[in-house]
Amino acid sequence: MHILMVHNHYQLRGGEDESYQSEVRVLREAGHQVIAYTEHNDRVKVLGNVRTAIRTVWAAEAYQHLRDILSTSKPDLLHVQNFFPLISPSVYYAARTVGLPVIQTLRNYRLVCPNALLFRDGQVCEECLGKTLTWPGVQHACYRQSRGATATVAAMIATHRLASTWRDMVDVYVALTEFARQKFIEGGLPAEKIVVKPNFVHPDPGLGEHAGGYALFVGRLSSEKGTNTLLKAWQQLGSKVLLRIVGDGPLRKQVQLAAERNPGVEYLGQRPVNEVYALMADARVLIVPSEWYETFGRVVVEAFAKGTPVIAADIGAIAELIAHGRTGLLFTPGNPESLVEAVERAWLHPHELACMGQEARNEYETKYTASCNYRMLMEIYERVIKPISNER
């Protein structure tokens, strides 16, 4: 099979980029030809705000570039991982000029929410969900704390909703969890076109021994990721349980200050993936205190692969991934006291925690390996290719 893959990389390497690269790697290992058309957000600085805004709604350069690729190669389908902001939905239309089926993976809520998070001012927000004109997002300057930048994203959403792009130009949408699928349906995407296929971890990082005696947080240091709740919980826990924090973000200074004041908190900064896996291998538990509707939560599956149980907020897709009492523990989102109770339960019952770790590894082997994911991906690809083949 010949796949044309499209992805707009972010400035900071994160879960979306990791998941995209994993899919490309697995497809190539299986013998498929994958052409990757990519952009990178670093180009925003070169293009400037005005040209970037225009490209967000319709990227003529990306449209023409894709037409050029299609004129020299004959892919079976177009798989768009992320088009925002430099590629735009124009690539759907380029594919349609040659009758190429289109698949769009929904790695965030960008098609239904200007800031892609359904989160504002420290809490879940659904004011724009289902609206053609996402004016509340503009009023609240939800994207980059700028009304102008948010208006650009809102224009992209509205333009392509009014043009029926979301309904007519995509054959299959891939949501990462059932929870996310339902939110996209509420947001106006056609239910019959949305399938669920989770992220996965490849290559298998292998089991850890979990002898480090600490809890671990890995992720963006921001309010939607629950960083404040995490730090408040450790104010109560003190040095009873060591917490190691890996990541960077707008709340980095608060984390550094907490580490200086609390001997139970250690800030390690941003670390490469091999070091993160080593930390997971030694950790007793991973903490995921997210307060927004994560579309998936790749870090959870990475922990499962290492046999590390997860203590997570009972919200959105994260709660869907974790079986409370079997692969980890759930606590009330935004509630430090509830998180403290979960951590204390884990530390007071080491045998139960070890059993959860074994179940977490079983969950990975059952649902989140490359082989499982490859089979699901092929089913999706065949769903869009067979009708085209029949027409020919």
Protein backbone atom coordinates (compact mmCIF):
# COMPACT_ATOMS: atom_id res chain seq x y z
CA MET A 1 0.00 0.00 0.00
CA HIS A 2 1.18 3.52 -0.81
CA ILE A 3 0.30 6.20 1.79
CA LEU A 4 0.77 9.96 1.62
CA MET A 5 1.12 11.16 5.22
CA VAL A 6 0.69 14.82 6.17
CA HIS A 7 1.80 16.33 9.46
CA ASN A 8 2.47 19.80 10.90
CA HIS A 9 5.06 19.43 13.65
CA TYR A 10 5.02 21.51 16.81
CA GLN A 11 7.87 23.60 18.18
CA LEU A 12 8.26 21.28 21.16
CA ARG A 13 8.42 17.54 20.64
CA GLY A 14 5.36 15.99 22.24
CA GLY A 15 2.87 13.16 22.22
CA GLU A 16 1.30 14.09 18.88
CA ASP A 17 4.63 14.08 17.06
CA GLU A 18 5.69 10.85 18.78
CA SER A 19 2.45 9.13 17.76
CA TYR A 20 2.75 10.31 14.16
CA GLN A 21 6.31 9.03 13.92
CA SER A 22 5.31 5.69 15.44
CA GLU A 23 2.64 5.20 12.77
CA VAL A 24 5.04 6.01 9.95
CA ARG A 25 7.66 3.65 11.39
CA VAL A 26 5.23 0.74 11.75
CA LEU A 27 3.85 1.19 8.24
CA ARG A 28 7.32 1.23 6.71
CA GLU A 29 8.41 -1.79 8.75
CA ALA A 30 5.38 -3.64 7.35
CA GLY A 31 6.58 -2.90 3.81
CA HIS A 32 4.27 -0.03 2.88
CA GLN A 33 5.53 2.98 0.97
CA VAL A 34 5.00 6.15 2.99
CA ILE A 35 5.60 9.61 1.56
CA ALA A 36 5.74 12.19 4.35
CA TYR A 37 4.73 15.77 3.62
CA THR A 38 5.56 17.84 6.69
CA GLU A 39 5.71 21.40 7.91
CA HIS A 40 7.16 22.71 11.17
CA ASN A 41 5.93 25.54 13.36
CA ASP A 42 9.41 27.07 13.30
CA ARG A 43 8.39 28.53 9.93
CA VAL A 44 5.80 30.73 11.63
CA LYS A 45 8.60 33.10 12.68
CA VAL A 46 9.72 33.39 9.06
CA LEU A 47 6.25 33.79 7.56
CA GLY A 48 4.98 36.33 10.10
CA ASN A 49 1.51 36.68 11.59
CA VAL A 50 -0.38 37.83 8.50
CA ARG A 51 0.87 35.13 6.14
CA THR A 52 0.44 32.49 8.83
CA ALA A 53 -3.16 33.63 9.39
CA ILE A 54 -3.94 33.30 5.69
CA ARG A 55 -2.35 29.86 5.54
CA THR A 56 -4.37 28.73 8.56
CA VAL A 57 -7.60 29.08 6.58
CA TRP A 58 -6.26 28.09 3.16
CA ALA A 59 -2.60 27.25 2.47
CA ALA A 60 -2.24 27.69 -1.28
CA GLU A 61 1.41 26.60 -1.10
CA ALA A 62 0.48 23.33 0.62
CA TYR A 63 -2.32 22.75 -1.89
CA GLN A 64 0.06 23.16 -4.83
CA HIS A 65 2.81 21.15 -3.17
CA LEU A 66 0.43 18.25 -2.66
CA ARG A 67 -0.79 18.52 -6.27
CA ASP A 68 2.85 18.27 -7.40
CA ILE A 69 3.41 15.18 -5.26
CA LEU A 70 0.25 13.57 -6.64
CA SER A 71 1.32 14.26 -10.20
CA THR A 72 4.52 12.22 -9.75
CA SER A 73 3.35 9.49 -7.35
CA LYS A 74 0.20 7.41 -7.12
CA PRO A 75 -0.68 6.95 -3.43
CA ASP A 76 -3.69 4.91 -2.39
CA LEU A 77 -4.82 7.43 0.22
CA LEU A 78 -4.05 10.65 2.05
CA HIS A 79 -3.67 10.38 5.83
CA VAL A 80 -3.60 13.77 7.58
CA GLN A 81 -2.22 13.69 11.11
CA ASN A 82 -2.25 17.43 11.78
CA PHE A 83 -2.74 20.34 9.37
CA PHE A 84 -2.61 23.28 11.81
CA PRO A 85 -1.52 25.98 11.21
CA LEU A 86 0.69 25.88 8.10
CA ILE A 87 -0.88 23.14 5.95
CA SER A 88 -4.61 23.80 6.37
CA PRO A 89 -7.60 21.78 5.06
CA SER A 90 -6.56 22.78 1.53
CA VAL A 91 -4.79 19.42 1.30
CA TYR A 92 -8.16 17.65 1.42
CA TYR A 93 -9.17 19.49 -1.72
CA ALA A 94 -5.88 18.67 -3.45
CA ALA A 95 -6.54 14.99 -2.78
CA ARG A 96 -10.09 15.26 -4.08
CA THR A 97 -8.90 16.59 -7.46
CA VAL A 98 -7.52 13.10 -8.19
CA GLY A 99 -10.18 11.13 -6.31
CA LEU A 100 -7.89 10.23 -3.43
CA PRO A 101 -9.60 9.09 -0.21
CA VAL A 102 -8.83 11.20 2.88
CA ILE A 103 -8.33 10.14 6.50
CA GLN A 104 -7.93 12.69 9.30
CA THR A 105 -6.62 11.70 12.74
CA LEU A 106 -8.15 13.84 15.50
CA ARG A 107 -5.25 14.37 17.90
CA ASN A 108 -6.79 17.43 19.57
CA TYR A 109 -10.10 19.34 19.53
CA ARG A 110 -9.03 21.95 16.95
CA LEU A 111 -11.99 21.33 14.61
CA VAL A 112 -14.50 22.21 17.33
CA CYS A 113 -12.56 24.53 19.69
CA PRO A 114 -10.24 27.46 18.85
CA ASN A 115 -7.63 26.53 21.49
CA ALA A 116 -8.03 22.78 20.76
CA LEU A 117 -8.38 21.94 24.47
CA LEU A 118 -12.03 22.57 25.47
CA PHE A 119 -10.44 24.21 28.51
CA ARG A 120 -10.38 27.85 29.65
CA ASP A 121 -9.54 29.75 32.82
CA GLY A 122 -8.62 26.62 34.74
CA GLN A 123 -11.67 24.57 33.87
CA VAL A 124 -13.39 22.61 31.13
CA CYS A 125 -15.18 24.87 28.63
CA GLU A 126 -17.68 23.78 25.96
CA GLU A 127 -19.03 27.20 24.97
CA CYS A 128 -17.91 26.80 21.34
CA LEU A 129 -18.81 23.13 21.00
CA GLY A 130 -21.25 22.68 18.10
CA LYS A 131 -21.18 26.34 17.04
CA THR A 132 -20.36 27.40 13.49
CA LEU A 133 -19.14 30.77 14.72
CA THR A 134 -16.93 30.11 17.75
CA TRP A 135 -17.31 33.68 18.95
CA PRO A 136 -16.97 32.91 22.70
CA GLY A 137 -13.43 31.71 22.03
CA VAL A 138 -12.60 35.02 20.34
CA GLN A 139 -14.11 37.00 23.19
CA HIS A 140 -12.03 35.10 25.73
CA ALA A 141 -8.87 35.14 23.57
CA CYS A 142 -8.60 31.39 24.01
CA TYR A 143 -5.79 30.77 21.51
CA ARG A 144 -2.42 32.17 22.61
CA GLN A 145 -4.28 34.72 24.78
CA SER A 146 -4.86 36.78 21.65
CA ARG A 147 -8.20 37.79 20.16
CA GLY A 148 -6.56 38.24 16.77
CA ALA A 149 -4.95 34.80 16.77
CA THR A 150 -8.16 33.22 18.08
CA ALA A 151 -10.19 35.00 15.39
CA THR A 152 -7.95 33.40 12.76
CA VAL A 153 -8.61 29.90 14.12
CA ALA A 154 -12.31 30.68 14.48
CA ALA A 155 -12.37 31.81 10.84
CA MET A 156 -10.77 28.53 9.78
CA ILE A 157 -13.36 26.51 11.72
CA ALA A 158 -16.31 28.55 10.41
CA THR A 159 -15.12 28.75 6.80
CA HIS A 160 -14.73 25.02 6.47
CA ARG A 161 -17.91 24.23 8.34
CA LEU A 162 -19.91 26.52 6.04
CA ALA A 163 -18.13 25.01 3.01
CA SER A 164 -19.04 21.52 4.27
CA THR A 165 -15.35 20.62 4.30
CA TRP A 166 -15.59 18.64 7.52
CA ARG A 167 -18.60 16.70 6.20
CA ASP A 168 -17.69 16.14 2.55
CA MET A 169 -13.90 16.26 2.17
CA VAL A 170 -12.92 13.61 4.74
CA ASP A 171 -13.83 9.94 4.35
CA VAL A 172 -12.87 8.77 7.84
CA TYR A 173 -11.95 10.56 11.04
CA VAL A 174 -9.85 8.67 13.57
CA ALA A 175 -10.59 9.53 17.20
CA LEU A 176 -8.23 8.16 19.81
CA THR A 177 -10.86 7.21 22.42
CA GLU A 178 -14.61 6.76 22.58
CA PHE A 179 -14.82 9.78 24.88
CA ALA A 180 -13.13 11.99 22.28
CA ARG A 181 -15.35 10.53 19.54
CA GLN A 182 -18.47 11.60 21.43
CA LYS A 183 -17.13 15.13 21.89
CA PHE A 184 -16.46 15.45 18.16
CA ILE A 185 -19.99 14.24 17.42
CA GLU A 186 -21.34 16.88 19.83
CA GLY A 187 -19.14 19.36 17.98
CA GLY A 188 -20.85 18.59 14.67
CA LEU A 189 -18.64 16.03 12.92
CA PRO A 190 -20.57 13.21 11.20
CA ALA A 191 -20.84 10.28 13.62
CA GLU A 192 -20.84 7.67 10.86
CA LYS A 193 -17.40 8.81 9.72
CA ILE A 194 -15.63 8.69 13.09
CA VAL A 195 -13.87 5.49 14.16
CA VAL A 196 -11.77 4.86 17.27
CA LYS A 197 -8.14 3.75 17.08
CA PRO A 198 -5.86 4.41 20.07
CA ASN A 199 -2.26 5.51 20.08
CA PHE A 200 0.41 2.93 20.77
CA VAL A 201 4.03 2.65 21.89
CA HIS A 202 6.66 1.24 19.53
CA PRO A 203 9.19 -0.15 20.00
CA ASP A 204 8.19 -1.89 23.22
CA PRO A 205 10.27 -0.24 25.99
CA GLY A 206 10.05 -3.36 28.17
CA LEU A 207 9.14 -3.92 31.80
CA GLY A 208 10.75 -2.01 34.64
CA GLU A 209 11.70 -3.17 38.15
CA HIS A 210 10.08 -0.20 39.98
CA ALA A 211 12.61 -0.15 42.79
CA GLY A 212 13.04 3.62 42.94
CA GLY A 213 10.42 4.27 45.58
CA TYR A 214 9.11 7.47 43.99
CA ALA A 215 6.10 8.83 42.11
CA LEU A 216 6.64 10.36 38.67
CA PHE A 217 4.99 13.11 36.63
CA VAL A 218 5.85 13.51 32.93
CA GLY A 219 4.25 16.21 30.82
CA ARG A 220 3.65 19.87 30.09
CA LEU A 221 3.75 22.05 33.18
CA SER A 222 0.46 23.90 32.75
CA SER A 223 -2.90 24.39 34.38
CA GLU A 224 -4.78 22.04 32.04
CA LYS A 225 -2.31 19.28 32.89
CA GLY A 226 -3.14 19.66 36.58
CA THR A 227 0.27 20.96 37.66
CA ASN A 228 -1.20 23.20 40.36
CA THR A 229 -3.23 20.33 41.82
CA LEU A 230 -0.12 18.16 41.80
CA LEU A 231 1.94 20.73 43.71
CA LYS A 232 -0.84 21.35 46.24
CA ALA A 233 -1.13 17.63 46.90
CA TRP A 234 2.59 17.40 47.59
CA GLN A 235 2.39 20.34 49.97
CA GLN A 236 0.25 18.00 52.08
CA LEU A 237 2.35 14.88 51.45
CA GLY A 238 5.64 16.64 52.15
CA SER A 239 8.57 14.26 52.09
CA LYS A 240 6.51 11.12 52.82
CA VAL A 241 6.59 10.29 49.10
CA LEU A 242 9.21 11.56 46.68
CA LEU A 243 7.78 13.11 43.52
CA ARG A 244 9.97 13.51 40.47
CA ILE A 245 8.72 15.94 37.83
CA VAL A 246 9.81 15.84 34.17
CA GLY A 247 8.71 18.45 31.66
CA ASP A 248 8.55 22.14 30.84
CA GLY A 249 5.88 24.76 30.35
CA PRO A 250 4.38 28.00 31.66
CA LEU A 251 4.31 26.77 35.28
CA ARG A 252 7.99 25.81 35.36
CA LYS A 253 8.89 28.53 37.89
CA GLN A 254 6.19 27.33 40.28
CA VAL A 255 7.54 23.79 40.01
CA GLN A 256 11.10 24.96 40.60
CA LEU A 257 9.98 26.92 43.66
CA ALA A 258 8.11 23.90 45.03
CA ALA A 259 11.23 21.78 44.56
CA GLU A 260 13.30 24.33 46.49
CA ARG A 261 10.84 24.45 49.38
CA ASN A 262 9.70 20.84 49.58
CA PRO A 263 12.23 17.99 49.96
CA GLY A 264 9.53 15.66 48.62
CA VAL A 265 9.62 17.31 45.17
CA GLU A 266 12.45 16.98 42.66
CA TYR A 267 12.35 18.84 39.34
CA LEU A 268 14.32 17.19 36.54
CA GLY A 269 13.43 19.50 33.65
CA GLN A 270 12.90 18.27 30.10
CA ARG A 271 14.45 14.84 29.45
CA PRO A 272 14.88 12.70 26.29
CA VAL A 273 12.55 9.76 25.85
CA ASN A 274 15.15 7.13 26.82
CA GLU A 275 15.66 8.86 30.18
CA VAL A 276 11.90 9.16 30.67
CA TYR A 277 11.52 5.43 30.12
CA ALA A 278 14.31 4.75 32.61
CA LEU A 279 12.52 6.91 35.18
CA MET A 280 9.24 5.09 34.49
CA ALA A 281 11.01 1.76 34.91
CA ASP A 282 12.07 2.74 38.43
CA ALA A 283 8.92 4.61 39.52
CA ARG A 284 6.29 2.99 41.68
CA VAL A 285 3.53 4.96 40.02
CA LEU A 286 2.92 7.60 37.35
CA ILE A 287 0.75 10.60 38.27
CA VAL A 288 -1.50 12.08 35.55
CA PRO A 289 -3.55 14.92 37.11
CA SER A 290 -4.95 16.39 33.86
CA GLU A 291 -7.98 18.64 34.22
CA TRP A 292 -8.90 18.93 30.54
CA TYR A 293 -10.49 16.43 28.17
CA GLU A 294 -7.37 14.71 26.91
CA THR A 295 -8.03 13.06 23.55
CA PHE A 296 -5.84 10.15 24.64
CA GLY A 297 -2.88 10.40 27.01
CA ARG A 298 0.12 8.67 25.44
CA VAL A 299 2.09 8.89 28.69
CA VAL A 300 -0.42 6.48 30.29
CA VAL A 301 0.27 3.82 27.67
CA GLU A 302 4.02 4.38 27.98
CA ALA A 303 3.68 3.71 31.71
CA PHE A 304 1.58 0.60 31.04
CA ALA A 305 4.31 -0.70 28.73
CA LYS A 306 6.79 -0.37 31.58
CA GLY A 307 4.40 -2.11 33.98
CA THR A 308 3.89 1.13 35.92
CA PRO A 309 0.42 1.70 37.39
CA VAL A 310 -1.13 5.14 36.93
CA ILE A 311 -2.88 7.46 39.38
CA ALA A 312 -4.96 9.81 37.23
CA ALA A 313 -7.76 12.34 37.34
CA ASP A 314 -11.18 10.85 36.64
CA ILE A 315 -11.91 12.96 33.56
CA GLY A 316 -12.15 12.57 29.80
CA ALA A 317 -10.14 10.07 27.84
CA ILE A 318 -7.63 9.49 30.64
CA ALA A 319 -10.36 7.94 32.79
CA GLU A 320 -11.31 5.72 29.85
CA LEU A 321 -7.78 4.29 29.67
CA ILE A 322 -7.52 3.34 33.35
CA ALA A 323 -9.48 0.62 35.13
CA HIS A 324 -9.77 1.90 38.72
CA GLY A 325 -8.27 -0.61 41.14
CA ARG A 326 -6.93 -2.80 38.32
CA THR A 327 -4.42 -0.80 36.24
CA GLY A 328 -4.29 2.22 38.52
CA LEU A 329 -6.36 4.58 40.63
CA LEU A 330 -8.63 7.49 39.73
CA PHE A 331 -9.13 10.63 41.81
CA THR A 332 -11.39 13.67 41.60
CA PRO A 333 -9.92 16.13 39.07
CA GLY A 334 -8.66 19.39 40.53
CA ASN A 335 -8.90 18.01 44.07
CA PRO A 336 -5.52 17.80 45.88
CA GLU A 337 -7.03 15.95 48.86
CA SER A 338 -8.39 13.24 46.57
CA LEU A 339 -4.98 12.87 44.94
CA VAL A 340 -3.33 12.61 48.36
CA GLU A 341 -5.74 9.82 49.33
CA ALA A 342 -4.90 7.89 46.14
CA VAL A 343 -1.15 8.25 46.66
CA GLU A 344 -1.38 7.20 50.30
CA ARG A 345 -3.47 4.17 49.33
CA ALA A 346 -0.81 3.17 46.80
CA TRP A 347 2.04 3.54 49.29
CA LEU A 348 0.19 1.72 52.09
CA HIS A 349 -0.65 -1.26 49.84
CA PRO A 350 2.50 -2.19 47.89
CA HIS A 351 1.21 -5.65 46.96
CA GLU A 352 -1.95 -4.17 45.46
CA LEU A 353 0.19 -1.65 43.58
CA ALA A 354 2.41 -4.42 42.20
CA CYS A 355 -0.68 -6.30 40.96
CA MET A 356 -1.87 -3.11 39.25
CA GLY A 357 1.51 -2.88 37.53
CA GLN A 358 1.14 -6.41 36.17
CA GLU A 359 -2.35 -5.62 34.92
CA ALA A 360 -1.08 -2.40 33.34
CA ARG A 361 1.48 -4.39 31.36
CA ASN A 362 -1.25 -6.85 30.31
CA GLU A 363 -3.34 -3.90 29.13
CA TYR A 364 -0.46 -2.69 26.98
CA GLU A 365 0.10 -6.11 25.44
CA THR A 366 -3.62 -6.51 24.71
CA LYS A 367 -4.41 -3.07 23.27
CA TYR A 368 -1.42 -0.82 22.67
CA THR A 369 1.30 -2.74 20.84
CA ALA A 370 2.40 -2.01 17.28
CA SER A 371 0.87 -5.24 15.97
CA CYS A 372 -2.55 -4.45 17.47
CA ASN A 373 -2.46 -0.92 16.13
CA TYR A 374 -1.28 -1.97 12.68
CA ARG A 375 -4.26 -4.32 12.28
CA MET A 376 -6.67 -1.54 13.24
CA LEU A 377 -4.98 0.91 10.88
CA MET A 378 -5.22 -1.53 7.96
CA GLU A 379 -8.95 -2.01 8.62
CA ILE A 380 -9.42 1.76 8.41
CA TYR A 381 -7.36 2.06 5.23
CA GLU A 382 -9.21 -0.80 3.56
CA ARG A 383 -12.52 0.83 4.48
CA VAL A 384 -11.71 3.85 2.28
CA ILE A 385 -9.74 2.09 -0.46
CA LYS A 386 -12.25 -0.68 -1.30
CA PRO A 387 -15.10 1.68 -2.32
CA ILE A 388 -12.69 3.58 -4.57
CA SER A 389 -11.42 0.32 -6.08
CA ASN A 390 -14.97 -0.84 -6.72
CA GLU A 391 -15.79 2.41 -8.51
CA ARG A 392 -12.80 1.92 -10.78
